[in-house]
C-alpha atoms as a PDB file:
ATOM      1  CA  UNK A   1    -177.439 -31.804  -5.944  1.00  0.00           C
ATOM      2  CA  UNK A   2    -180.213 -31.059  -8.057  1.00  0.00           C
ATOM      3  CA  UNK A   3    -180.692 -27.150  -8.479  1.00  0.00           C
ATOM      4  CA  UNK A   4    -184.242 -25.996  -6.968  1.00  0.00           C
ATOM      5  CA  UNK A   5    -186.607 -24.874  -9.716  1.00  0.00           C
ATOM      6  CA  UNK A   6    -189.018 -22.848  -7.760  1.00  0.00           C
ATOM      7  CA  UNK A   7    -186.377 -20.571  -5.934  1.00  0.00           C
ATOM      8  CA  UNK A   8    -186.657 -17.438  -7.612  1.00  0.00           C
ATOM      9  CA  UNK A   9    -190.750 -16.930  -7.071  1.00  0.00           C
ATOM     10  CA  UNK A  10    -190.579 -18.133  -3.543  1.00  0.00           C
ATOM     11  CA  UNK A  11    -187.627 -16.016  -2.503  1.00  0.00           C
ATOM     12  CA  UNK A  12    -189.596 -12.975  -3.897  1.00  0.00           C
ATOM     13  CA  UNK A  13    -192.470 -13.997  -1.631  1.00  0.00           C
ATOM     14  CA  UNK A  14    -190.336 -14.962   1.214  1.00  0.00           C
ATOM     15  CA  UNK A  15    -188.824 -11.541   1.401  1.00  0.00           C
ATOM     16  CA  UNK A  16    -192.006  -9.820   1.583  1.00  0.00           C
ATOM     17  CA  UNK A  17    -193.298  -8.264   5.295  1.00  0.00           C
ATOM     18  CA  UNK A  18    -194.940 -10.872   7.320  1.00  0.00           C
ATOM     19  CA  UNK A  19    -198.529  -9.227   6.553  1.00  0.00           C
ATOM     20  CA  UNK A  20    -198.085  -9.524   2.818  1.00  0.00           C
ATOM     21  CA  UNK A  21    -196.657 -12.835   3.056  1.00  0.00           C
ATOM     22  CA  UNK A  22    -199.797 -14.401   4.743  1.00  0.00           C
ATOM     23  CA  UNK A  23    -201.624 -15.876   1.841  1.00  0.00           C
ATOM     24  CA  UNK A  24    -198.233 -17.476   0.848  1.00  0.00           C
ATOM     25  CA  UNK A  25    -197.523 -19.289   4.365  1.00  0.00           C
ATOM     26  CA  UNK A  26    -200.148 -21.964   3.047  1.00  0.00           C
ATOM     27  CA  UNK A  27    -198.124 -22.470  -0.284  1.00  0.00           C
ATOM     28  CA  UNK A  28    -194.895 -22.472   1.737  1.00  0.00           C
ATOM     29  CA  UNK A  29    -196.371 -25.378   4.297  1.00  0.00           C
ATOM     30  CA  UNK A  30    -197.262 -27.596   0.973  1.00  0.00           C
ATOM     31  CA  UNK A  31    -193.515 -27.538   0.418  1.00  0.00           C
ATOM     32  CA  UNK A  32    -191.024 -30.190   1.866  1.00  0.00           C
ATOM     33  CA  UNK A  33    -189.925 -28.892   5.280  1.00  0.00           C
ATOM     34  CA  UNK A  34    -186.267 -28.517   4.344  1.00  0.00           C
ATOM     35  CA  UNK A  35    -186.892 -26.915   0.808  1.00  0.00           C
ATOM     36  CA  UNK A  36    -189.139 -24.490   2.867  1.00  0.00           C
ATOM     37  CA  UNK A  37    -186.131 -23.514   5.667  1.00  0.00           C
ATOM     38  CA  UNK A  38    -183.831 -22.977   2.730  1.00  0.00           C
ATOM     39  CA  UNK A  39    -186.357 -20.622   1.000  1.00  0.00           C
ATOM     40  CA  UNK A  40    -186.754 -18.465   3.923  1.00  0.00           C
ATOM     41  CA  UNK A  41    -183.025 -18.452   4.877  1.00  0.00           C
ATOM     42  CA  UNK A  42    -182.079 -17.457   1.556  1.00  0.00           C
ATOM     43  CA  UNK A  43    -184.453 -14.893   1.169  1.00  0.00           C
ATOM     44  CA  UNK A  44    -183.210 -13.359   4.742  1.00  0.00           C
ATOM     45  CA  UNK A  45    -179.723 -13.593   3.532  1.00  0.00           C
ATOM     46  CA  UNK A  46    -180.388 -11.523   0.390  1.00  0.00           C
ATOM     47  CA  UNK A  47    -181.860  -9.133   2.755  1.00  0.00           C
ATOM     48  CA  UNK A  48    -179.136  -8.791   5.375  1.00  0.00           C
ATOM     49  CA  UNK A  49    -176.205  -8.531   2.760  1.00  0.00           C
ATOM     50  CA  UNK A  50    -178.268  -6.093   0.810  1.00  0.00           C
ATOM     51  CA  UNK A  51    -178.754  -4.033   4.149  1.00  0.00           C
ATOM     52  CA  UNK A  52    -175.338  -4.320   5.444  1.00  0.00           C
ATOM     53  CA  UNK A  53    -173.263  -4.122   2.131  1.00  0.00           C
ATOM     54  CA  UNK A  54    -174.817  -1.009   0.677  1.00  0.00           C
ATOM     55  CA  UNK A  55    -173.032  -1.258  -2.671  1.00  0.00           C
ATOM     56  CA  UNK A  56    -174.504  -4.710  -3.030  1.00  0.00           C
ATOM     57  CA  UNK A  57    -178.184  -5.439  -4.286  1.00  0.00           C
ATOM     58  CA  UNK A  58    -178.710  -9.108  -4.179  1.00  0.00           C
ATOM     59  CA  UNK A  59    -181.022 -10.806  -6.343  1.00  0.00           C
ATOM     60  CA  UNK A  60    -180.583 -14.270  -6.004  1.00  0.00           C
ATOM     61  CA  UNK A  61    -178.843 -16.691  -3.781  1.00  0.00           C
ATOM     62  CA  UNK A  62    -178.008 -20.403  -4.324  1.00  0.00           C
ATOM     63  CA  UNK A  63    -177.447 -22.296  -0.679  1.00  0.00           C
ATOM     64  CA  UNK A  64    -175.622 -25.457  -2.384  1.00  0.00           C
ATOM     65  CA  UNK A  65    -173.425 -23.984  -5.144  1.00  0.00           C
ATOM     66  CA  UNK A  66    -170.128 -25.010  -3.673  1.00  0.00           C
ATOM     67  CA  UNK A  67    -171.237 -27.444  -0.852  1.00  0.00           C
ATOM     68  CA  UNK A  68    -174.277 -29.255  -0.304  1.00  0.00           C
ATOM     69  CA  UNK A  69    -176.502 -27.547   2.843  1.00  0.00           C
ATOM     70  CA  UNK A  70    -176.902 -29.540   5.774  1.00  0.00           C
ATOM     71  CA  UNK A  71    -180.314 -29.409   7.564  1.00  0.00           C
ATOM     72  CA  UNK A  72    -180.937 -30.615  10.945  1.00  0.00           C
ATOM     73  CA  UNK A  73    -184.213 -29.744  12.694  1.00  0.00           C
ATOM     74  CA  UNK A  74    -184.855 -26.246  11.664  1.00  0.00           C
ATOM     75  CA  UNK A  75    -181.291 -25.326  11.408  1.00  0.00           C
ATOM     76  CA  UNK A  76    -179.531 -24.916   7.911  1.00  0.00           C
ATOM     77  CA  UNK A  77    -175.870 -24.714   7.484  1.00  0.00           C
ATOM     78  CA  UNK A  78    -174.783 -23.340   3.828  1.00  0.00           C
ATOM     79  CA  UNK A  79    -170.908 -23.544   3.979  1.00  0.00           C
ATOM     80  CA  UNK A  80    -170.680 -23.322   0.244  1.00  0.00           C
ATOM     81  CA  UNK A  81    -173.373 -20.820  -0.700  1.00  0.00           C
ATOM     82  CA  UNK A  82    -173.152 -17.924  -3.568  1.00  0.00           C
ATOM     83  CA  UNK A  83    -174.971 -14.884  -3.610  1.00  0.00           C
ATOM     84  CA  UNK A  84    -175.588 -12.374  -6.963  1.00  0.00           C
ATOM     85  CA  UNK A  85    -175.629  -8.810  -7.010  1.00  0.00           C
ATOM     86  CA  UNK A  86    -175.714  -7.217 -10.451  1.00  0.00           C
ATOM     87  CA  UNK A  87    -173.305  -9.193 -12.662  1.00  0.00           C
ATOM     88  CA  UNK A  88    -171.324 -10.496  -9.838  1.00  0.00           C
ATOM     89  CA  UNK A  89    -171.514 -13.473  -7.629  1.00  0.00           C
ATOM     90  CA  UNK A  90    -169.916 -13.946  -4.310  1.00  0.00           C
ATOM     91  CA  UNK A  91    -168.848 -16.558  -1.850  1.00  0.00           C
ATOM     92  CA  UNK A  92    -171.190 -16.893   0.872  1.00  0.00           C
ATOM     93  CA  UNK A  93    -171.706 -19.210   3.795  1.00  0.00           C
ATOM     94  CA  UNK A  94    -174.533 -18.937   6.325  1.00  0.00           C
ATOM     95  CA  UNK A  95    -176.278 -20.733   9.310  1.00  0.00           C
ATOM     96  CA  UNK A  96    -179.769 -20.035   9.793  1.00  0.00           C
ATOM     97  CA  UNK A  97    -182.513 -21.336  12.371  1.00  0.00           C
ATOM     98  CA  UNK A  98    -186.447 -20.927  11.797  1.00  0.00           C
ATOM     99  CA  UNK A  99    -189.096 -21.516  13.733  1.00  0.00           C
ATOM    100  CA  UNK A 100    -190.395 -25.323  13.760  1.00  0.00           C
ATOM    101  CA  UNK A 101    -192.581 -24.668  10.865  1.00  0.00           C
ATOM    102  CA  UNK A 102    -189.867 -22.879   8.972  1.00  0.00           C
ATOM    103  CA  UNK A 103    -191.824 -19.983   8.366  1.00  0.00           C
ATOM    104  CA  UNK A 104    -190.014 -17.579  10.484  1.00  0.00           C
ATOM    105  CA  UNK A 105    -186.316 -16.849  11.093  1.00  0.00           C
ATOM    106  CA  UNK A 106    -185.142 -17.026  14.601  1.00  0.00           C
ATOM    107  CA  UNK A 107    -181.319 -16.343  13.845  1.00  0.00           C
ATOM    108  CA  UNK A 108    -179.049 -15.846  11.011  1.00  0.00           C
ATOM    109  CA  UNK A 109    -175.203 -15.577  10.670  1.00  0.00           C
ATOM    110  CA  UNK A 110    -173.299 -15.453   7.646  1.00  0.00           C
ATOM    111  CA  UNK A 111    -169.763 -14.530   5.921  1.00  0.00           C
ATOM    112  CA  UNK A 112    -169.306 -13.001   2.787  1.00  0.00           C
ATOM    113  CA  UNK A 113    -166.427 -13.800   0.766  1.00  0.00           C
ATOM    114  CA  UNK A 114    -164.668 -12.814  -2.403  1.00  0.00           C
ATOM    115  CA  UNK A 115    -166.375 -12.421  -6.012  1.00  0.00           C
ATOM    116  CA  UNK A 116    -166.573 -15.859  -7.974  1.00  0.00           C
ATOM    117  CA  UNK A 117    -164.833 -16.082 -11.533  1.00  0.00           C
ATOM    118  CA  UNK A 118    -167.196 -16.013 -14.152  1.00  0.00           C
ATOM    119  CA  UNK A 119    -165.558 -19.451 -15.425  1.00  0.00           C
ATOM    120  CA  UNK A 120    -166.890 -21.031 -12.341  1.00  0.00           C
ATOM    121  CA  UNK A 121    -170.350 -20.169 -12.575  1.00  0.00           C
ATOM    122  CA  UNK A 122    -171.838 -23.263 -14.862  1.00  0.00           C
ATOM    123  CA  UNK A 123    -170.710 -25.913 -12.914  1.00  0.00           C
ATOM    124  CA  UNK A 124    -172.052 -24.316  -9.515  1.00  0.00           C
ATOM    125  CA  UNK A 125    -175.619 -23.663 -10.738  1.00  0.00           C
ATOM    126  CA  UNK A 126    -174.714 -19.738 -11.115  1.00  0.00           C
ATOM    127  CA  UNK A 127    -176.738 -18.111 -13.914  1.00  0.00           C
ATOM    128  CA  UNK A 128    -175.878 -14.934 -15.668  1.00  0.00           C
ATOM    129  CA  UNK A 129    -178.051 -12.036 -14.851  1.00  0.00           C
END
């Protein structure tokens, strides 16, 4: 799968509170629905992992790092995701459901895995900090 080049700017915008995000909703709605769902869910994943795993401070998430994502309607299943905190990438899998327009998160479940060896980064779209 081809990497999504707009991931970093959109993830930052998607992580903002709803009130601050409203001007970006028009931009998000112009995106392909599956890309929009992935961006919102990736932002939620970084926020949840950062809150629930205090030593971690996630700054990037790649939903398709080890396996392609599967999207059906407004639900994305990312069984082969990876999340970066500092100079370490970790395995992650998540299932996320958004509103029909893909702007709001309805549910998010995840499993955080082990650190990923640096020699695997290049082949899985995982960039160094």
